[in-house]
Each structure stands twice: as C-alpha cells, then as structure tokens.
Protein backbone atom coordinates (compact mmCIF):
# COMPACT_ATOMS: atom_id res chain seq x y z
CA UNK A 1 101.36 107.87 37.03
CA UNK A 2 100.76 109.44 40.44
CA UNK A 3 100.79 106.13 42.30
CA UNK A 4 104.01 105.05 40.59
CA UNK A 5 105.72 108.30 41.64
CA UNK A 6 104.39 107.99 45.18
CA UNK A 7 105.53 104.37 45.38
CA UNK A 8 108.97 105.27 44.00
CA UNK A 9 109.38 108.10 46.51
CA UNK A 10 108.30 105.99 49.48
CA UNK A 11 110.96 106.07 52.17
CA UNK A 12 111.67 102.31 52.48
CA UNK A 13 112.21 101.96 48.73
CA UNK A 14 114.54 104.94 48.49
CA UNK A 15 116.42 103.94 51.65
CA UNK A 16 116.93 100.38 50.37
CA UNK A 17 118.19 101.69 47.05
CA UNK A 18 120.64 104.06 48.74
CA UNK A 19 121.95 101.33 51.04
CA UNK A 20 122.30 98.89 48.11
CA UNK A 21 124.25 101.48 46.08
CA UNK A 22 126.52 102.25 49.04
CA UNK A 23 127.27 98.53 49.50
CA UNK A 24 128.00 98.23 45.78
CA UNK A 25 130.27 101.29 45.88
CA UNK A 26 132.25 99.89 48.81
CA UNK A 27 132.72 96.60 46.95
CA UNK A 28 133.79 98.43 43.78
CA UNK A 29 136.26 100.54 45.77
CA UNK A 30 137.91 97.30 46.91
CA UNK A 31 137.82 95.70 43.43
CA UNK A 32 141.30 95.60 41.80
CA UNK A 33 139.83 95.79 38.26
CA UNK A 34 138.38 99.27 38.86
CA UNK A 35 140.85 102.01 37.84
CA UNK A 36 142.30 104.07 40.68
CA UNK A 37 141.15 107.39 39.18
CA UNK A 38 137.55 106.21 39.21
CA UNK A 39 137.85 105.34 42.88
CA UNK A 40 138.40 109.04 43.58
CA UNK A 41 134.82 109.95 42.58
CA UNK A 42 132.98 108.66 45.68
CA UNK A 43 135.89 109.71 47.89
CA UNK A 44 135.63 113.28 46.59
CA UNK A 45 131.90 113.22 47.30
CA UNK A 46 132.61 112.08 50.85
CA UNK A 47 135.27 114.79 51.21
CA UNK A 48 132.68 117.41 50.22
CA UNK A 49 130.37 116.21 52.99
CA UNK A 50 133.15 116.30 55.56
CA UNK A 51 134.54 119.65 54.36
CA UNK A 52 133.25 122.51 56.54
CA UNK A 53 132.45 124.78 53.57
CA UNK A 54 129.31 123.86 51.62
CA UNK A 55 127.46 125.30 48.66
CA UNK A 56 124.37 125.44 50.87
CA UNK A 57 125.26 125.85 54.57
CA UNK A 58 124.13 123.11 56.94
CA UNK A 59 122.66 125.80 59.19
CA UNK A 60 119.57 125.86 56.97
CA UNK A 61 117.59 123.03 58.61
CA UNK A 62 116.61 120.61 55.83
CA UNK A 63 118.10 122.01 52.65
CA UNK A 64 121.65 122.06 54.03
CA UNK A 65 121.65 118.31 54.62
CA UNK A 66 119.79 117.52 51.41
CA UNK A 67 122.53 119.01 49.22
CA UNK A 68 125.11 116.79 50.96
CA UNK A 69 122.92 113.72 50.53
CA UNK A 70 122.21 114.57 46.89
CA UNK A 71 125.90 115.01 46.13
CA UNK A 72 126.81 111.68 47.73
CA UNK A 73 124.06 109.89 45.77
CA UNK A 74 125.19 111.53 42.51
CA UNK A 75 128.85 110.67 43.17
CA UNK A 76 128.00 107.02 43.86
CA UNK A 77 125.76 106.82 40.79
CA UNK A 78 128.46 108.37 38.56
CA UNK A 79 131.04 105.98 40.01
CA UNK A 80 128.77 103.00 39.36
CA UNK A 81 128.10 104.03 35.76
CA UNK A 82 131.80 104.66 34.98
CA UNK A 83 133.06 101.39 36.49
CA UNK A 84 133.56 98.38 34.20
CA UNK A 85 130.16 96.80 33.59
CA UNK A 86 131.54 93.32 34.24
CA UNK A 87 132.65 94.33 37.74
CA UNK A 88 129.34 96.06 38.50
CA UNK A 89 127.33 93.05 37.31
CA UNK A 90 129.52 90.63 39.28
CA UNK A 91 129.15 92.53 42.56
CA UNK A 92 125.43 93.26 42.09
CA UNK A 93 124.84 89.53 41.64
CA UNK A 94 126.99 88.76 44.69
CA UNK A 95 125.03 91.25 46.81
CA UNK A 96 121.72 89.83 45.58
CA UNK A 97 122.77 86.29 46.50
CA UNK A 98 124.19 87.35 49.89
CA UNK A 99 127.81 86.44 49.17
CA UNK A 100 130.69 87.98 51.06
CA UNK A 101 133.12 90.24 49.19
CA UNK A 102 135.58 88.48 46.92
CA UNK A 103 137.43 90.13 44.02
CA UNK A 104 136.67 88.94 40.53
CA UNK A 105 138.84 85.98 39.59
CA UNK A 106 137.95 85.17 35.99
CA UNK A 107 139.54 87.42 33.38
CA UNK A 108 137.13 89.90 31.91
CA UNK A 109 136.74 89.94 28.12
CA UNK A 110 139.37 92.18 26.60
CA UNK A 111 141.74 91.96 29.59
CA UNK A 112 144.28 89.87 27.70
CA UNK A 113 145.87 89.74 24.30
CA UNK A 114 145.87 86.47 22.43
CA UNK A 115 149.15 86.34 20.50
CA UNK A 116 151.94 84.04 19.42
CA UNK A 117 155.60 84.77 19.94
CA UNK A 118 157.91 84.16 16.99
CA UNK A 119 161.62 84.29 17.40
CA UNK A 120 163.36 84.93 14.11
C-alpha cells in the first residue's frame, strides 16, 4: 500500500496527469457538443486564480499557491466528469494517439430523433 501511494504521488506521474487533463479540458472547451454552461466551470476556476482575493492568501509561501492549484484541478475534474462521455472518450483517444484537435463529426447516440412526417 505504501509503495503504491508513493508511486502515485511521484512528481512526474502527477505532473503528466495534470498536463493531460489540461489538454483534455482545452479540447472540450473547443468542442461544439459540450454545453456552454459547462464550459464556464474551468473558466470560473481560472478566474479564481487570477482574482486578487483568495480564500488563503498567496503571501503564505506554499499553502497559498496550493489552494489555487487544488481549485484548478478540481474545476477541471468536475468539468471532465460533467461533459458528455462520448466527447470525453473521443478526445482522450485523440490525445493518446497524438492527433490534432478536430471536433467530433459523427452524431452521438441520442442526438437525433428518428421520425416520419405524415401530412394529413
């Protein structure tokens, strides 16, 4: 258990995970299938970091920056979990294969209504 926790908390692993989630969030912000209200979540987290008033002042050497970093990570994670799973899966696969950004083209299940028009 101790080695797993140490390995999980190792800096390269955490840094790679944060960078991967930021790349995914940027792609999801550009994705047209993600609702506009959801796109406000990471932007509000970024606004908190930029805003001069903090819950824990940045004057406290390490803790002041850690609360900003924690809030950004939580905002990105909440954004990722609330986004449509089809969009998240599409962009995670594209990042893993090294593809450039391209919006989803195929209709997602449930994005259309199959109906027939009858004129009487």
